[in-house]
Amino acid sequence: MVLRAIKTNANESATVWKLPRQTVVGWVEAHKAGRMDVEGHLHHWDLPEPSGPVVRGKCRACLEEKDFRTSTDFRGWKQNKNDDD
């Protein structure tokens, strides 16, 4: 979550997350001072309503964008070649 506040601003991020502004400002200051590592995180993708074969998702935490394929003919999940489970 801190990556979003660093890339945008603390006020906007605090509003989105419904957190006190000072909490978010403290996170940003801790990152700038080197007391908080924010590089590794799990993405939390927000995807728009499908309107074609591909949709553009945006991570809530770091604002990274990525394309996701959509499907109107879902036939189940494919197993990864590396999965032995």
PDB file of N, CA and C in Angstrom:
ATOM      1  N   MET A   1       0.816  -1.194   0.000  1.00  0.00           N
ATOM      2  CA  MET A   1       0.000   0.000   0.000  1.00  0.00           C
ATOM      3  C   MET A   1       0.855   1.252   0.000  1.00  0.00           C
ATOM      4  N   VAL A   2       1.993   1.187   0.624  1.00  0.00           N
ATOM      5  CA  VAL A   2       2.828   2.377   0.727  1.00  0.00           C
ATOM      6  C   VAL A   2       3.313   2.828  -0.648  1.00  0.00           C
ATOM      7  N   LEU A   3       3.542   1.882  -1.557  1.00  0.00           N
ATOM      8  CA  LEU A   3       4.003   2.267  -2.889  1.00  0.00           C
ATOM      9  C   LEU A   3       3.025   3.217  -3.565  1.00  0.00           C
ATOM     10  N   ARG A   4       1.743   2.978  -3.391  1.00  0.00           N
ATOM     11  CA  ARG A   4       0.747   3.868  -3.989  1.00  0.00           C
ATOM     12  C   ARG A   4       0.875   5.277  -3.425  1.00  0.00           C
ATOM     13  N   ALA A   5       1.053   5.375  -2.109  1.00  0.00           N
ATOM     14  CA  ALA A   5       1.180   6.689  -1.477  1.00  0.00           C
ATOM     15  C   ALA A   5       2.443   7.404  -1.936  1.00  0.00           C
ATOM     16  N   ILE A   6       3.516   6.636  -2.178  1.00  0.00           N
ATOM     17  CA  ILE A   6       4.765   7.233  -2.648  1.00  0.00           C
ATOM     18  C   ILE A   6       4.598   7.734  -4.078  1.00  0.00           C
ATOM     19  N   LYS A   7       3.902   6.953  -4.917  1.00  0.00           N
ATOM     20  CA  LYS A   7       3.740   7.307  -6.323  1.00  0.00           C
ATOM     21  C   LYS A   7       2.678   8.380  -6.550  1.00  0.00           C
ATOM     22  N   THR A   8       1.718   8.510  -5.657  1.00  0.00           N
ATOM     23  CA  THR A   8       0.684   9.531  -5.810  1.00  0.00           C
ATOM     24  C   THR A   8       0.888  10.565  -4.717  1.00  0.00           C
ATOM     25  N   ASN A   9       0.061  10.534  -3.689  1.00  0.00           N
ATOM     26  CA  ASN A   9       0.276  11.393  -2.522  1.00  0.00           C
ATOM     27  C   ASN A   9      -0.465  10.793  -1.331  1.00  0.00           C
ATOM     28  N   ALA A  10      -0.037  11.185  -0.167  1.00  0.00           N
ATOM     29  CA  ALA A  10      -0.566  10.599   1.063  1.00  0.00           C
ATOM     30  C   ALA A  10      -2.051  10.905   1.252  1.00  0.00           C
ATOM     31  N   ASN A  11      -2.480  12.103   0.891  1.00  0.00           N
ATOM     32  CA  ASN A  11      -3.892  12.469   1.077  1.00  0.00           C
ATOM     33  C   ASN A  11      -4.803  11.586   0.234  1.00  0.00           C
ATOM     34  N   GLU A  12      -4.465  11.421  -1.042  1.00  0.00           N
ATOM     35  CA  GLU A  12      -5.281  10.603  -1.936  1.00  0.00           C
ATOM     36  C   GLU A  12      -5.310   9.169  -1.453  1.00  0.00           C
ATOM     37  N   SER A  13      -4.146   8.648  -1.069  1.00  0.00           N
ATOM     38  CA  SER A  13      -4.059   7.264  -0.610  1.00  0.00           C
ATOM     39  C   SER A  13      -4.838   7.052   0.681  1.00  0.00           C
ATOM     40  N   ALA A  14      -4.742   7.970   1.616  1.00  0.00           N
ATOM     41  CA  ALA A  14      -5.480   7.857   2.876  1.00  0.00           C
ATOM     42  C   ALA A  14      -6.986   7.834   2.622  1.00  0.00           C
ATOM     43  N   THR A  15      -7.444   8.632   1.676  1.00  0.00           N
ATOM     44  CA  THR A  15      -8.869   8.654   1.334  1.00  0.00           C
ATOM     45  C   THR A  15      -9.297   7.324   0.738  1.00  0.00           C
ATOM     46  N   VAL A  16      -8.508   6.796  -0.215  1.00  0.00           N
ATOM     47  CA  VAL A  16      -8.826   5.522  -0.859  1.00  0.00           C
ATOM     48  C   VAL A  16      -8.884   4.395   0.167  1.00  0.00           C
ATOM     49  N   TRP A  17      -7.922   4.369   1.079  1.00  0.00           N
ATOM     50  CA  TRP A  17      -7.832   3.282   2.061  1.00  0.00           C
ATOM     51  C   TRP A  17      -8.672   3.522   3.305  1.00  0.00           C
ATOM     52  N   LYS A  18      -9.265   4.703   3.411  1.00  0.00           N
ATOM     53  CA  LYS A  18     -10.052   5.074   4.593  1.00  0.00           C
ATOM     54  C   LYS A  18      -9.212   4.965   5.871  1.00  0.00           C
ATOM     55  N   LEU A  19      -8.004   5.540   5.790  1.00  0.00           N
ATOM     56  CA  LEU A  19      -7.076   5.568   6.922  1.00  0.00           C
ATOM     57  C   LEU A  19      -6.783   7.012   7.290  1.00  0.00           C
ATOM     58  N   PRO A  20      -6.340   7.259   8.527  1.00  0.00           N
ATOM     59  CA  PRO A  20      -5.935   8.617   8.889  1.00  0.00           C
ATOM     60  C   PRO A  20      -4.758   9.070   8.017  1.00  0.00           C
ATOM     61  N   ARG A  21      -4.821  10.305   7.559  1.00  0.00           N
ATOM     62  CA  ARG A  21      -3.761  10.864   6.713  1.00  0.00           C
ATOM     63  C   ARG A  21      -2.396  10.740   7.377  1.00  0.00           C
ATOM     64  N   GLN A  22      -2.328  10.998   8.665  1.00  0.00           N
ATOM     65  CA  GLN A  22      -1.041  10.974   9.367  1.00  0.00           C
ATOM     66  C   GLN A  22      -0.427   9.582   9.378  1.00  0.00           C
ATOM     67  N   THR A  23      -1.238   8.539   9.393  1.00  0.00           N
ATOM     68  CA  THR A  23      -0.728   7.164   9.328  1.00  0.00           C
ATOM     69  C   THR A  23       0.008   6.954   8.012  1.00  0.00           C
ATOM     70  N   VAL A  24      -0.626   7.355   6.924  1.00  0.00           N
ATOM     71  CA  VAL A  24      -0.028   7.176   5.599  1.00  0.00           C
ATOM     72  C   VAL A  24       1.219   8.041   5.458  1.00  0.00           C
ATOM     73  N   VAL A  25       1.173   9.262   5.952  1.00  0.00           N
ATOM     74  CA  VAL A  25       2.353  10.139   5.908  1.00  0.00           C
ATOM     75  C   VAL A  25       3.507   9.490   6.681  1.00  0.00           C
ATOM     76  N   GLY A  26       3.213   8.878   7.807  1.00  0.00           N
ATOM     77  CA  GLY A  26       4.248   8.189   8.587  1.00  0.00           C
ATOM     78  C   GLY A  26       4.884   7.051   7.811  1.00  0.00           C
ATOM     79  N   TRP A  27       4.066   6.297   7.059  1.00  0.00           N
ATOM     80  CA  TRP A  27       4.610   5.209   6.237  1.00  0.00           C
ATOM     81  C   TRP A  27       5.550   5.755   5.160  1.00  0.00           C
ATOM     82  N   VAL A  28       5.125   6.826   4.493  1.00  0.00           N
ATOM     83  CA  VAL A  28       5.947   7.418   3.429  1.00  0.00           C
ATOM     84  C   VAL A  28       7.252   7.941   4.014  1.00  0.00           C
ATOM     85  N   GLU A  29       7.193   8.599   5.155  1.00  0.00           N
ATOM     86  CA  GLU A  29       8.405   9.117   5.795  1.00  0.00           C
ATOM     87  C   GLU A  29       9.324   7.983   6.222  1.00  0.00           C
ATOM     88  N   ALA A  30       8.774   6.885   6.738  1.00  0.00           N
ATOM     89  CA  ALA A  30       9.581   5.732   7.137  1.00  0.00           C
ATOM     90  C   ALA A  30      10.273   5.125   5.916  1.00  0.00           C
ATOM     91  N   HIS A  31       9.588   5.075   4.799  1.00  0.00           N
ATOM     92  CA  HIS A  31      10.201   4.558   3.567  1.00  0.00           C
ATOM     93  C   HIS A  31      11.341   5.453   3.114  1.00  0.00           C
ATOM     94  N   LYS A  32      11.100   6.754   3.089  1.00  0.00           N
ATOM     95  CA  LYS A  32      12.136   7.703   2.657  1.00  0.00           C
ATOM     96  C   LYS A  32      13.364   7.638   3.559  1.00  0.00           C
ATOM     97  N   ALA A  33      13.163   7.356   4.851  1.00  0.00           N
ATOM     98  CA  ALA A  33      14.283   7.274   5.808  1.00  0.00           C
ATOM     99  C   ALA A  33      14.959   5.903   5.786  1.00  0.00           C
ATOM    100  N   GLY A  34      14.434   4.975   4.959  1.00  0.00           N
ATOM    101  CA  GLY A  34      15.039   3.652   4.865  1.00  0.00           C
ATOM    102  C   GLY A  34      14.621   2.687   5.954  1.00  0.00           C
ATOM    103  N   ARG A  35      13.576   3.025   6.703  1.00  0.00           N
ATOM    104  CA  ARG A  35      13.106   2.158   7.784  1.00  0.00           C
ATOM    105  C   ARG A  35      12.016   1.184   7.338  1.00  0.00           C
ATOM    106  N   MET A  36      11.562   1.318   6.089  1.00  0.00           N
ATOM    107  CA  MET A  36      10.485   0.455   5.604  1.00  0.00           C
ATOM    108  C   MET A  36      10.785   0.045   4.167  1.00  0.00           C
ATOM    109  N   ASP A  37      10.849  -1.268   3.938  1.00  0.00           N
ATOM    110  CA  ASP A  37      11.062  -1.801   2.592  1.00  0.00           C
ATOM    111  C   ASP A  37       9.698  -2.096   1.985  1.00  0.00           C
ATOM    112  N   VAL A  38       9.448  -1.560   0.811  1.00  0.00           N
ATOM    113  CA  VAL A  38       8.131  -1.736   0.197  1.00  0.00           C
ATOM    114  C   VAL A  38       8.198  -2.383  -1.180  1.00  0.00           C
ATOM    115  N   GLU A  39       9.349  -2.883  -1.561  1.00  0.00           N
ATOM    116  CA  GLU A  39       9.496  -3.405  -2.918  1.00  0.00           C
ATOM    117  C   GLU A  39       8.776  -4.741  -3.127  1.00  0.00           C
ATOM    118  N   GLY A  40       8.834  -5.637  -2.179  1.00  0.00           N
ATOM    119  CA  GLY A  40       8.198  -6.935  -2.363  1.00  0.00           C
ATOM    120  C   GLY A  40       6.775  -6.931  -1.834  1.00  0.00           C
ATOM    121  N   HIS A  41       5.824  -7.237  -2.699  1.00  0.00           N
ATOM    122  CA  HIS A  41       4.438  -7.324  -2.249  1.00  0.00           C
ATOM    123  C   HIS A  41       3.651  -8.196  -3.209  1.00  0.00           C
ATOM    124  N   LEU A  42       2.528  -8.674  -2.755  1.00  0.00           N
ATOM    125  CA  LEU A  42       1.602  -9.377  -3.627  1.00  0.00           C
ATOM    126  C   LEU A  42       0.710  -8.338  -4.280  1.00  0.00           C
ATOM    127  N   HIS A  43       0.528  -8.455  -5.585  1.00  0.00           N
ATOM    128  CA  HIS A  43      -0.336  -7.512  -6.283  1.00  0.00           C
ATOM    129  C   HIS A  43      -1.801  -7.784  -5.941  1.00  0.00           C
ATOM    130  N   HIS A  44      -2.557  -6.726  -5.861  1.00  0.00           N
ATOM    131  CA  HIS A  44      -4.011  -6.815  -5.672  1.00  0.00           C
ATOM    132  C   HIS A  44      -4.611  -6.087  -6.874  1.00  0.00           C
ATOM    133  N   TRP A  45      -4.989  -6.861  -7.892  1.00  0.00           N
ATOM    134  CA  TRP A  45      -5.413  -6.290  -9.172  1.00  0.00           C
ATOM    135  C   TRP A  45      -6.878  -5.852  -9.145  1.00  0.00           C
ATOM    136  N   ASP A  46      -7.119  -4.627  -9.575  1.00  0.00           N
ATOM    137  CA  ASP A  46      -8.467  -4.141  -9.848  1.00  0.00           C
ATOM    138  C   ASP A  46      -8.669  -4.271 -11.348  1.00  0.00           C
ATOM    139  N   LEU A  47      -9.711  -5.006 -11.744  1.00  0.00           N
ATOM    140  CA  LEU A  47      -9.997  -5.224 -13.156  1.00  0.00           C
ATOM    141  C   LEU A  47     -11.330  -4.583 -13.516  1.00  0.00           C
ATOM    142  N   PRO A  48     -11.375  -3.906 -14.653  1.00  0.00           N
ATOM    143  CA  PRO A  48     -12.654  -3.324 -15.082  1.00  0.00           C
ATOM    144  C   PRO A  48     -13.583  -4.397 -15.628  1.00  0.00           C
ATOM    145  N   GLU A  49     -14.801  -4.017 -15.853  1.00  0.00           N
ATOM    146  CA  GLU A  49     -15.782  -4.905 -16.476  1.00  0.00           C
ATOM    147  C   GLU A  49     -15.252  -5.323 -17.851  1.00  0.00           C
ATOM    148  N   PRO A  50     -15.285  -6.612 -18.180  1.00  0.00           N
ATOM    149  CA  PRO A  50     -14.786  -7.055 -19.489  1.00  0.00           C
ATOM    150  C   PRO A  50     -15.540  -6.385 -20.631  1.00  0.00           C
ATOM    151  N   SER A  51     -14.769  -5.904 -21.617  1.00  0.00           N
ATOM    152  CA  SER A  51     -15.391  -5.264 -22.778  1.00  0.00           C
ATOM    153  C   SER A  51     -14.632  -5.628 -24.054  1.00  0.00           C
ATOM    154  N   GLY A  52     -14.056  -6.798 -24.061  1.00  0.00           N
ATOM    155  CA  GLY A  52     -13.283  -7.252 -25.208  1.00  0.00           C
ATOM    156  C   GLY A  52     -12.392  -8.399 -24.780  1.00  0.00           C
ATOM    157  N   PRO A  53     -11.450  -8.799 -25.621  1.00  0.00           N
ATOM    158  CA  PRO A  53     -10.605  -9.942 -25.299  1.00  0.00           C
ATOM    159  C   PRO A  53      -9.553  -9.672 -24.229  1.00  0.00           C
ATOM    160  N   VAL A  54      -9.277  -8.391 -23.961  1.00  0.00           N
ATOM    161  CA  VAL A  54      -8.250  -8.019 -22.980  1.00  0.00           C
ATOM    162  C   VAL A  54      -8.754  -6.852 -22.146  1.00  0.00           C
ATOM    163  N   VAL A  55      -8.472  -6.903 -20.833  1.00  0.00           N
ATOM    164  CA  VAL A  55      -8.753  -5.762 -19.950  1.00  0.00           C
ATOM    165  C   VAL A  55      -7.454  -5.319 -19.295  1.00  0.00           C
ATOM    166  N   ARG A  56      -7.375  -4.055 -18.951  1.00  0.00           N
ATOM    167  CA  ARG A  56      -6.191  -3.474 -18.315  1.00  0.00           C
ATOM    168  C   ARG A  56      -6.446  -3.392 -16.824  1.00  0.00           C
ATOM    169  N   GLY A  57      -5.664  -4.159 -16.029  1.00  0.00           N
ATOM    170  CA  GLY A  57      -5.794  -4.135 -14.584  1.00  0.00           C
ATOM    171  C   GLY A  57      -4.764  -3.222 -13.956  1.00  0.00           C
ATOM    172  N   LYS A  58      -5.057  -2.752 -12.756  1.00  0.00           N
ATOM    173  CA  LYS A  58      -4.127  -1.891 -12.025  1.00  0.00           C
ATOM    174  C   LYS A  58      -4.008  -2.395 -10.601  1.00  0.00           C
ATOM    175  N   CYS A  59      -2.766  -2.550 -10.111  1.00  0.00           N
ATOM    176  CA  CYS A  59      -2.530  -2.998  -8.747  1.00  0.00           C
ATOM    177  C   CYS A  59      -2.888  -1.873  -7.772  1.00  0.00           C
ATOM    178  N   ARG A  60      -3.671  -2.212  -6.761  1.00  0.00           N
ATOM    179  CA  ARG A  60      -4.043  -1.218  -5.747  1.00  0.00           C
ATOM    180  C   ARG A  60      -2.845  -0.722  -4.956  1.00  0.00           C
ATOM    181  N   ALA A  61      -1.846  -1.585  -4.770  1.00  0.00           N
ATOM    182  CA  ALA A  61      -0.709  -1.233  -3.914  1.00  0.00           C
ATOM    183  C   ALA A  61       0.319  -0.368  -4.629  1.00  0.00           C
ATOM    184  N   CYS A  62       0.737  -0.779  -5.841  1.00  0.00           N
ATOM    185  CA  CYS A  62       1.861  -0.078  -6.484  1.00  0.00           C
ATOM    186  C   CYS A  62       1.480   0.646  -7.763  1.00  0.00           C
ATOM    187  N   LEU A  63       0.229   0.517  -8.202  1.00  0.00           N
ATOM    188  CA  LEU A  63      -0.297   1.153  -9.398  1.00  0.00           C
ATOM    189  C   LEU A  63       0.285   0.588 -10.698  1.00  0.00           C
ATOM    190  N   GLU A  64       0.990  -0.545 -10.614  1.00  0.00           N
ATOM    191  CA  GLU A  64       1.462  -1.208 -11.833  1.00  0.00           C
ATOM    192  C   GLU A  64       0.252  -1.616 -12.653  1.00  0.00           C
ATOM    193  N   GLU A  65       0.399  -1.563 -13.983  1.00  0.00           N
ATOM    194  CA  GLU A  65      -0.683  -1.965 -14.861  1.00  0.00           C
ATOM    195  C   GLU A  65      -0.291  -3.205 -15.638  1.00  0.00           C
ATOM    196  N   LYS A  66      -1.294  -4.039 -15.944  1.00  0.00           N
ATOM    197  CA  LYS A  66      -1.040  -5.290 -16.641  1.00  0.00           C
ATOM    198  C   LYS A  66      -2.296  -5.674 -17.412  1.00  0.00           C
ATOM    199  N   ASP A  67      -2.091  -6.274 -18.590  1.00  0.00           N
ATOM    200  CA  ASP A  67      -3.216  -6.744 -19.388  1.00  0.00           C
ATOM    201  C   ASP A  67      -3.611  -8.157 -18.970  1.00  0.00           C
ATOM    202  N   PHE A  68      -4.921  -8.405 -18.900  1.00  0.00           N
ATOM    203  CA  PHE A  68      -5.457  -9.716 -18.575  1.00  0.00           C
ATOM    204  C   PHE A  68      -6.400 -10.131 -19.694  1.00  0.00           C
ATOM    205  N   ARG A  69      -6.270 -11.372 -20.126  1.00  0.00           N
ATOM    206  CA  ARG A  69      -7.178 -11.894 -21.144  1.00  0.00           C
ATOM    207  C   ARG A  69      -8.524 -12.204 -20.506  1.00  0.00           C
ATOM    208  N   THR A  70      -9.564 -11.962 -21.264  1.00  0.00           N
ATOM    209  CA  THR A  70     -10.911 -12.312 -20.813  1.00  0.00           C
ATOM    210  C   THR A  70     -11.404 -13.476 -21.658  1.00  0.00           C
ATOM    211  N   SER A  71     -12.476 -14.070 -21.249  1.00  0.00           N
ATOM    212  CA  SER A  71     -13.004 -15.196 -22.002  1.00  0.00           C
ATOM    213  C   SER A  71     -14.510 -15.256 -21.859  1.00  0.00           C
ATOM    214  N   THR A  72     -15.185 -15.508 -22.965  1.00  0.00           N
ATOM    215  CA  THR A  72     -16.624 -15.732 -22.914  1.00  0.00           C
ATOM    216  C   THR A  72     -16.922 -17.217 -23.002  1.00  0.00           C
ATOM    217  N   ASP A  73     -15.875 -17.997 -23.258  1.00  0.00           N
ATOM    218  CA  ASP A  73     -16.023 -19.447 -23.413  1.00  0.00           C
ATOM    219  C   ASP A  73     -15.105 -20.145 -22.412  1.00  0.00           C
ATOM    220  N   PHE A  74     -15.415 -20.007 -21.116  1.00  0.00           N
ATOM    221  CA  PHE A  74     -14.551 -20.557 -20.071  1.00  0.00           C
ATOM    222  C   PHE A  74     -14.682 -22.073 -20.022  1.00  0.00           C
ATOM    223  N   ARG A  75     -13.544 -22.756 -20.103  1.00  0.00           N
ATOM    224  CA  ARG A  75     -13.540 -24.215 -20.079  1.00  0.00           C
ATOM    225  C   ARG A  75     -12.768 -24.769 -18.887  1.00  0.00           C
ATOM    226  N   GLY A  76     -12.485 -23.950 -17.914  1.00  0.00           N
ATOM    227  CA  GLY A  76     -11.750 -24.406 -16.729  1.00  0.00           C
ATOM    228  C   GLY A  76     -10.330 -23.888 -16.734  1.00  0.00           C
ATOM    229  N   TRP A  77      -9.673 -24.080 -15.629  1.00  0.00           N
ATOM    230  CA  TRP A  77      -8.299 -23.594 -15.462  1.00  0.00           C
ATOM    231  C   TRP A  77      -7.317 -24.584 -16.059  1.00  0.00           C
ATOM    232  N   LYS A  78      -6.289 -24.056 -16.713  1.00  0.00           N
ATOM    233  CA  LYS A  78      -5.219 -24.894 -17.215  1.00  0.00           C
ATOM    234  C   LYS A  78      -4.189 -25.070 -16.113  1.00  0.00           C
ATOM    235  N   GLN A  79      -3.652 -26.278 -15.993  1.00  0.00           N
ATOM    236  CA  GLN A  79      -2.626 -26.516 -14.984  1.00  0.00           C
ATOM    237  C   GLN A  79      -1.283 -26.080 -15.568  1.00  0.00           C
ATOM    238  N   ASN A  80      -0.491 -25.400 -14.744  1.00  0.00           N
ATOM    239  CA  ASN A  80       0.853 -25.007 -15.165  1.00  0.00           C
ATOM    240  C   ASN A  80       1.705 -26.238 -15.386  1.00  0.00           C
ATOM    241  N   LYS A  81       2.601 -26.192 -16.354  1.00  0.00           N
ATOM    242  CA  LYS A  81       3.474 -27.314 -16.639  1.00  0.00           C
ATOM    243  C   LYS A  81       4.387 -27.638 -15.450  1.00  0.00           C
ATOM    244  N   ASN A  82       4.682 -26.649 -14.618  1.00  0.00           N
ATOM    245  CA  ASN A  82       5.584 -26.822 -13.483  1.00  0.00           C
ATOM    246  C   ASN A  82       4.881 -27.403 -12.270  1.00  0.00           C
ATOM    247  N   ASP A  83       3.544 -27.369 -12.260  1.00  0.00           N
ATOM    248  CA  ASP A  83       2.800 -27.841 -11.087  1.00  0.00           C
ATOM    249  C   ASP A  83       2.775 -29.354 -11.021  1.00  0.00           C
ATOM    250  N   ASP A  84       3.277 -29.897  -9.929  1.00  0.00           N
ATOM    251  CA  ASP A  84       3.263 -31.325  -9.707  1.00  0.00           C
ATOM    252  C   ASP A  84       2.179 -31.745  -8.712  1.00  0.00           C
ATOM    253  N   ASP A  85       1.548 -30.751  -8.088  1.00  0.00           N
ATOM    254  CA  ASP A  85       0.540 -31.023  -7.060  1.00  0.00           C
ATOM    255  C   ASP A  85      -0.758 -31.498  -7.674  1.00  0.00           C
TER     256      ASP A  85
END
